[in-house]
Amino acid sequence: VSRDAGEEELKRAYRRLALKFHPDKNRAPGATEAFKAIGNAFAVLSNPEKRLRYDELGSDHEHVSTGQARHYNYYTEFEADITPEEIFNVFFGGHFPTGNIHMFSNVARDAHYYPRRHRAERVWTQEPQEEEHRPQNSYSAFIQLMPVFIIIIVSVITQLMATNPPYSLFYKSSIGHVVSRETENLQVPYYVDKNFEKNYQGAELQELEKTVEKDYIDYIQTSCWKEKQQKSDLSNLAKLYRDERLKQKAESLKLEHCEKLSSLIGMHKGG
């Protein structure tokens, strides 16, 4: 990147190179070292203080080795406070923070985490933390699913507590509506259980029968509309295909529910 590269330009350059040289993708010799150098460079250049120091000293500053079997060309002045793997995870395993990467420097200072040790040691020190967080993650998942459990429980309780309606427009032996009756006003047929007369008398019975008649009229109106729609569809098909058989079927189709509806309207006006 250029010497005056901004934060967004640094991020774009890091994303491109980190994906290209990541050890899981690039098996070429030196790719791992390049990946570490890319992460270290980004961490240093994202830290205003270290970037200023690097601009002053440049790449001619004397470097030291880590004392391990491998020697990393990390300058003591320009060592990152976060590992290359952590930087990669920030970009591709989660949300990038609003500030610079040096905001994560405190993570590396934690007593239970040693970012500059050998990779195998770092993995070993992380395992206890992962084990500690597993129960918490399970608890969080349980909390998230709690509203679903509550809805299911309330639904089951509601069904168990719900009482059967006092009447049906049709014969229903499953809920005990086997006794046939007619409303006093429009003579609408409906079915009730054997204890109906004990529970509904006088004004209560009159109010209930008004509800029965209203439900019955709604049902008749819907059925009448379906009959008319069916007859219209058959007539249109007969014209489209010039089919005499369909035409005769459409003409012979009876509108039984429409006739009942007309009869009920006549009775209502007469009453």
Protein backbone atom coordinates (compact mmCIF):
# COMPACT_ATOMS: atom_id res chain seq x y z
CA VAL A 1 0.00 0.00 0.00
CA SER A 2 1.06 3.61 -0.35
CA ARG A 3 2.75 5.41 2.53
CA ASP A 4 -0.35 7.55 3.17
CA ALA A 5 -2.84 4.63 2.87
CA GLY A 6 -6.00 5.08 4.91
CA GLU A 7 -7.82 2.57 7.12
CA GLU A 8 -10.14 1.29 4.36
CA GLU A 9 -7.24 0.81 1.94
CA LEU A 10 -5.35 -1.17 4.60
CA LYS A 11 -8.39 -3.36 5.21
CA ARG A 12 -8.85 -4.10 1.50
CA ALA A 13 -5.18 -4.97 1.08
CA TYR A 14 -5.25 -7.21 4.13
CA ARG A 15 -8.37 -9.09 3.03
CA ARG A 16 -6.89 -9.78 -0.40
CA LEU A 17 -3.49 -11.00 0.84
CA ALA A 18 -4.76 -12.88 3.92
CA LEU A 19 -7.14 -14.97 1.80
CA LYS A 20 -4.38 -15.61 -0.72
CA PHE A 21 -1.73 -16.79 1.78
CA HIS A 22 -3.84 -18.40 4.50
CA PRO A 23 -2.25 -21.80 5.42
CA ASP A 24 -5.54 -23.63 4.96
CA LYS A 25 -5.71 -22.47 1.35
CA ASN A 26 -2.10 -21.93 0.28
CA ARG A 27 0.22 -24.94 0.69
CA ALA A 28 3.20 -23.31 -1.02
CA PRO A 29 6.49 -23.10 0.93
CA GLY A 30 6.66 -19.89 2.92
CA ALA A 31 2.91 -19.22 2.78
CA THR A 32 2.52 -19.60 6.55
CA GLU A 33 5.33 -17.13 7.24
CA ALA A 34 3.86 -14.74 4.69
CA PHE A 35 0.43 -15.00 6.34
CA LYS A 36 1.96 -14.14 9.72
CA ALA A 37 3.89 -11.24 8.25
CA ILE A 38 0.73 -9.90 6.58
CA GLY A 39 -1.20 -10.01 9.85
CA ASN A 40 1.66 -8.41 11.76
CA ALA A 41 1.98 -5.65 9.16
CA PHE A 42 -1.71 -4.86 9.30
CA ALA A 43 -1.74 -4.75 13.11
CA VAL A 44 1.26 -2.40 13.19
CA LEU A 45 -0.02 -0.08 10.46
CA SER A 46 -3.46 0.05 12.10
CA ASN A 47 -1.89 1.32 15.32
CA PRO A 48 -1.19 5.07 14.91
CA GLU A 49 1.70 5.05 17.40
CA LYS A 50 3.44 2.00 15.90
CA ARG A 51 2.83 3.25 12.38
CA LEU A 52 4.49 6.57 13.22
CA ARG A 53 7.42 4.72 14.79
CA TYR A 54 7.75 2.49 11.73
CA ASP A 55 7.70 5.52 9.42
CA GLU A 56 10.60 6.96 11.42
CA LEU A 57 12.75 3.80 11.57
CA GLY A 58 11.73 2.02 8.36
CA SER A 59 12.71 -1.54 7.47
CA ASP A 60 16.40 -1.00 8.33
CA HIS A 61 15.72 -1.29 12.05
CA GLU A 62 17.60 -4.18 13.66
CA HIS A 63 15.50 -7.26 14.26
CA VAL A 64 15.77 -10.00 16.88
CA SER A 65 14.80 -13.65 16.89
CA THR A 66 12.28 -15.21 19.25
CA GLY A 67 14.70 -17.83 20.57
CA GLN A 68 12.51 -20.66 19.27
CA ALA A 69 13.39 -23.22 16.62
CA ARG A 70 11.76 -20.94 14.05
CA HIS A 71 12.92 -17.35 13.67
CA TYR A 72 10.29 -14.79 12.83
CA ASN A 73 11.37 -11.50 11.31
CA TYR A 74 9.32 -9.52 13.79
CA TYR A 75 10.90 -6.33 15.03
CA THR A 76 10.59 -5.75 18.77
CA GLU A 77 9.32 -2.27 18.03
CA PHE A 78 6.78 -3.61 15.56
CA GLU A 79 5.40 -6.79 17.09
CA ALA A 80 1.62 -6.92 16.97
CA ASP A 81 -0.40 -7.23 20.17
CA ILE A 82 -2.73 -9.72 18.48
CA THR A 83 -1.92 -12.91 16.60
CA PRO A 84 -2.36 -13.26 12.81
CA GLU A 85 -5.03 -15.91 13.40
CA GLU A 86 -7.00 -13.54 15.62
CA ILE A 87 -6.79 -10.76 13.05
CA PHE A 88 -8.05 -13.15 10.37
CA ASN A 89 -10.96 -14.23 12.59
CA VAL A 90 -11.88 -10.60 13.21
CA PHE A 91 -12.22 -10.07 9.47
CA PHE A 92 -13.74 -13.37 8.36
CA GLY A 93 -15.17 -14.95 11.51
CA GLY A 94 -17.04 -12.05 13.02
CA HIS A 95 -17.74 -8.31 12.76
CA PHE A 96 -14.87 -5.89 12.36
CA PRO A 97 -14.69 -3.32 15.19
CA THR A 98 -15.32 0.32 14.54
CA GLY A 99 -11.85 1.36 15.74
CA ASN A 100 -8.34 0.23 14.83
CA ILE A 101 -6.99 -3.24 15.49
CA HIS A 102 -4.85 -2.07 18.41
CA MET A 103 -8.07 -1.93 20.42
CA PHE A 104 -7.59 -5.68 20.90
CA SER A 105 -4.20 -5.32 22.57
CA ASN A 106 -5.66 -5.95 26.02
CA VAL A 107 -6.85 -9.40 24.94
CA ALA A 108 -3.28 -10.54 24.40
CA ARG A 109 -2.31 -9.46 27.92
CA ASP A 110 -4.80 -11.76 29.59
CA ALA A 111 -3.21 -14.15 32.08
CA HIS A 112 -4.89 -17.18 30.52
CA TYR A 113 -3.79 -16.51 26.97
CA TYR A 114 -0.26 -16.37 25.56
CA PRO A 115 -0.31 -15.18 21.92
CA ARG A 116 3.46 -15.25 21.37
CA ARG A 117 4.02 -18.84 22.41
CA HIS A 118 4.28 -21.76 20.06
CA ARG A 119 1.05 -22.44 18.16
CA ALA A 120 0.52 -25.80 19.86
CA GLU A 121 0.79 -24.18 23.30
CA ARG A 122 -1.69 -21.48 22.35
CA VAL A 123 -4.26 -24.04 21.28
CA TRP A 124 -3.72 -25.93 24.55
CA THR A 125 -4.34 -22.81 26.64
CA GLN A 126 -7.52 -21.97 24.75
CA GLU A 127 -9.24 -25.31 25.39
CA PRO A 128 -10.12 -24.64 29.06
CA GLN A 129 -11.72 -21.36 28.07
CA GLU A 130 -13.79 -23.06 25.39
CA GLU A 131 -14.93 -25.66 27.90
CA GLU A 132 -15.93 -22.90 30.32
CA HIS A 133 -18.03 -21.12 27.71
CA ARG A 134 -19.91 -24.19 26.48
CA PRO A 135 -22.45 -24.27 29.34
CA GLN A 136 -23.00 -20.54 28.91
CA ASN A 137 -23.67 -21.01 25.18
CA SER A 138 -26.17 -23.77 25.96
CA TYR A 139 -27.88 -21.52 28.48
CA SER A 140 -28.06 -18.69 25.92
CA ALA A 141 -29.64 -21.04 23.38
CA PHE A 142 -32.19 -22.13 25.98
CA ILE A 143 -33.06 -18.50 26.74
CA GLN A 144 -33.55 -17.79 23.03
CA LEU A 145 -35.90 -20.77 22.64
CA MET A 146 -37.86 -19.93 25.80
CA PRO A 147 -40.58 -17.90 23.95
CA VAL A 148 -41.21 -20.87 21.65
CA PHE A 149 -41.63 -23.21 24.62
CA ILE A 150 -44.02 -20.76 26.29
CA ILE A 151 -46.17 -20.51 23.15
CA ILE A 152 -46.35 -24.31 22.86
CA ILE A 153 -47.28 -24.73 26.54
CA VAL A 154 -49.96 -22.01 26.40
CA SER A 155 -51.41 -23.55 23.23
CA VAL A 156 -51.64 -27.00 24.84
CA ILE A 157 -53.22 -25.61 28.02
CA THR A 158 -55.73 -23.59 25.97
CA GLN A 159 -56.79 -26.67 24.03
CA LEU A 160 -57.17 -28.69 27.21
CA MET A 161 -59.28 -25.99 28.89
CA ALA A 162 -61.39 -25.15 25.84
CA THR A 163 -65.02 -26.23 26.14
CA ASN A 164 -67.09 -27.57 23.30
CA PRO A 165 -69.55 -25.13 21.66
CA PRO A 166 -73.17 -25.59 22.79
CA TYR A 167 -74.42 -26.36 19.26
CA SER A 168 -73.42 -27.47 15.77
CA LEU A 169 -75.04 -26.89 12.41
CA PHE A 170 -74.30 -30.54 11.58
CA TYR A 171 -74.54 -33.87 13.34
CA LYS A 172 -71.35 -34.43 15.38
CA SER A 173 -71.29 -37.48 17.56
CA SER A 174 -67.64 -36.91 18.52
CA ILE A 175 -68.62 -33.97 20.76
CA GLY A 176 -72.08 -35.21 21.69
CA HIS A 177 -74.16 -33.06 19.35
CA VAL A 178 -76.67 -35.71 18.39
CA VAL A 179 -80.01 -34.14 19.40
CA SER A 180 -81.75 -32.33 16.54
CA ARG A 181 -83.52 -28.99 17.10
CA GLU A 182 -84.90 -26.04 15.08
CA THR A 183 -84.80 -22.36 15.84
CA GLU A 184 -88.15 -20.82 16.70
CA ASN A 185 -87.91 -17.89 14.30
CA LEU A 186 -86.52 -19.29 10.97
CA GLN A 187 -86.77 -23.01 11.68
CA VAL A 188 -83.04 -23.45 11.15
CA PRO A 189 -81.93 -27.01 12.02
CA TYR A 190 -79.07 -27.48 14.50
CA TYR A 191 -77.73 -30.13 16.87
CA VAL A 192 -77.05 -30.06 20.62
CA ASP A 193 -76.08 -32.48 23.40
CA LYS A 194 -78.46 -34.24 25.75
CA ASN A 195 -78.06 -31.67 28.55
CA PHE A 196 -78.80 -28.66 26.33
CA GLU A 197 -82.35 -27.99 27.62
CA LYS A 198 -81.12 -27.89 31.22
CA ASN A 199 -78.57 -25.16 30.46
CA TYR A 200 -80.45 -23.00 27.94
CA GLN A 201 -83.96 -21.72 28.56
CA GLY A 202 -85.86 -18.48 28.14
CA ALA A 203 -83.79 -15.44 27.15
CA GLU A 204 -80.55 -17.44 26.98
CA LEU A 205 -82.10 -19.85 24.49
CA GLN A 206 -83.41 -16.98 22.34
CA GLU A 207 -79.98 -15.32 22.20
CA LEU A 208 -78.33 -18.62 21.32
CA GLU A 209 -80.80 -19.31 18.51
CA LYS A 210 -80.10 -15.86 17.04
CA THR A 211 -76.44 -16.86 16.86
CA VAL A 212 -77.39 -20.19 15.29
CA GLU A 213 -79.46 -18.46 12.58
CA LYS A 214 -76.68 -15.97 11.83
CA ASP A 215 -74.10 -18.77 11.44
CA TYR A 216 -76.48 -20.75 9.25
CA ILE A 217 -77.15 -17.76 6.95
CA ASP A 218 -73.40 -17.15 6.59
CA TYR A 219 -72.91 -20.81 5.67
CA ILE A 220 -75.78 -20.74 3.13
CA GLN A 221 -74.46 -17.54 1.52
CA THR A 222 -70.98 -19.01 1.11
CA SER A 223 -72.36 -22.25 -0.34
CA CYS A 224 -74.61 -20.33 -2.74
CA TRP A 225 -71.65 -18.32 -4.02
CA LYS A 226 -69.70 -21.55 -4.65
CA GLU A 227 -72.62 -23.04 -6.59
CA LYS A 228 -72.92 -19.97 -8.81
CA GLN A 229 -69.18 -19.94 -9.40
CA GLN A 230 -69.20 -23.62 -10.38
CA LYS A 231 -72.11 -23.11 -12.80
CA SER A 232 -70.42 -20.07 -14.34
CA ASP A 233 -67.13 -21.97 -14.81
CA LEU A 234 -68.91 -24.85 -16.55
CA SER A 235 -70.78 -22.45 -18.88
CA ASN A 236 -67.55 -20.67 -19.82
CA LEU A 237 -65.79 -23.96 -20.54
CA ALA A 238 -68.72 -25.11 -22.68
CA LYS A 239 -68.50 -21.92 -24.77
CA LEU A 240 -64.73 -22.11 -25.03
CA TYR A 241 -64.61 -25.71 -26.23
CA ARG A 242 -68.07 -25.66 -27.85
CA ASP A 243 -68.93 -28.70 -25.81
CA GLU A 244 -72.66 -29.45 -25.78
CA ARG A 245 -72.28 -31.94 -22.92
CA LEU A 246 -70.70 -29.33 -20.62
CA LYS A 247 -73.39 -26.85 -21.62
CA GLN A 248 -76.18 -29.23 -20.62
CA LYS A 249 -74.42 -30.04 -17.35
CA ALA A 250 -74.10 -26.34 -16.51
CA GLU A 251 -77.78 -25.72 -17.28
CA SER A 252 -78.91 -28.69 -15.21
CA LEU A 253 -76.78 -27.77 -12.20
CA LYS A 254 -79.12 -26.89 -9.33
CA LEU A 255 -78.40 -24.03 -6.94
CA GLU A 256 -79.82 -25.69 -3.86
CA HIS A 257 -78.19 -23.42 -1.30
CA CYS A 258 -79.21 -20.34 -3.25
CA GLU A 259 -82.82 -21.56 -3.14
CA LYS A 260 -82.54 -22.06 0.62
CA LEU A 261 -81.12 -18.57 0.98
CA SER A 262 -84.06 -17.09 -0.95
CA SER A 263 -86.46 -19.02 1.22
CA LEU A 264 -84.82 -17.77 4.42
CA ILE A 265 -84.90 -14.18 3.19
CA GLY A 266 -88.61 -14.55 2.38
CA MET A 267 -89.31 -15.96 5.83
CA HIS A 268 -87.34 -13.17 7.45
CA LYS A 269 -89.31 -10.50 5.58
CA GLY A 270 -92.55 -12.23 6.36
CA GLY A 271 -91.66 -12.33 10.06
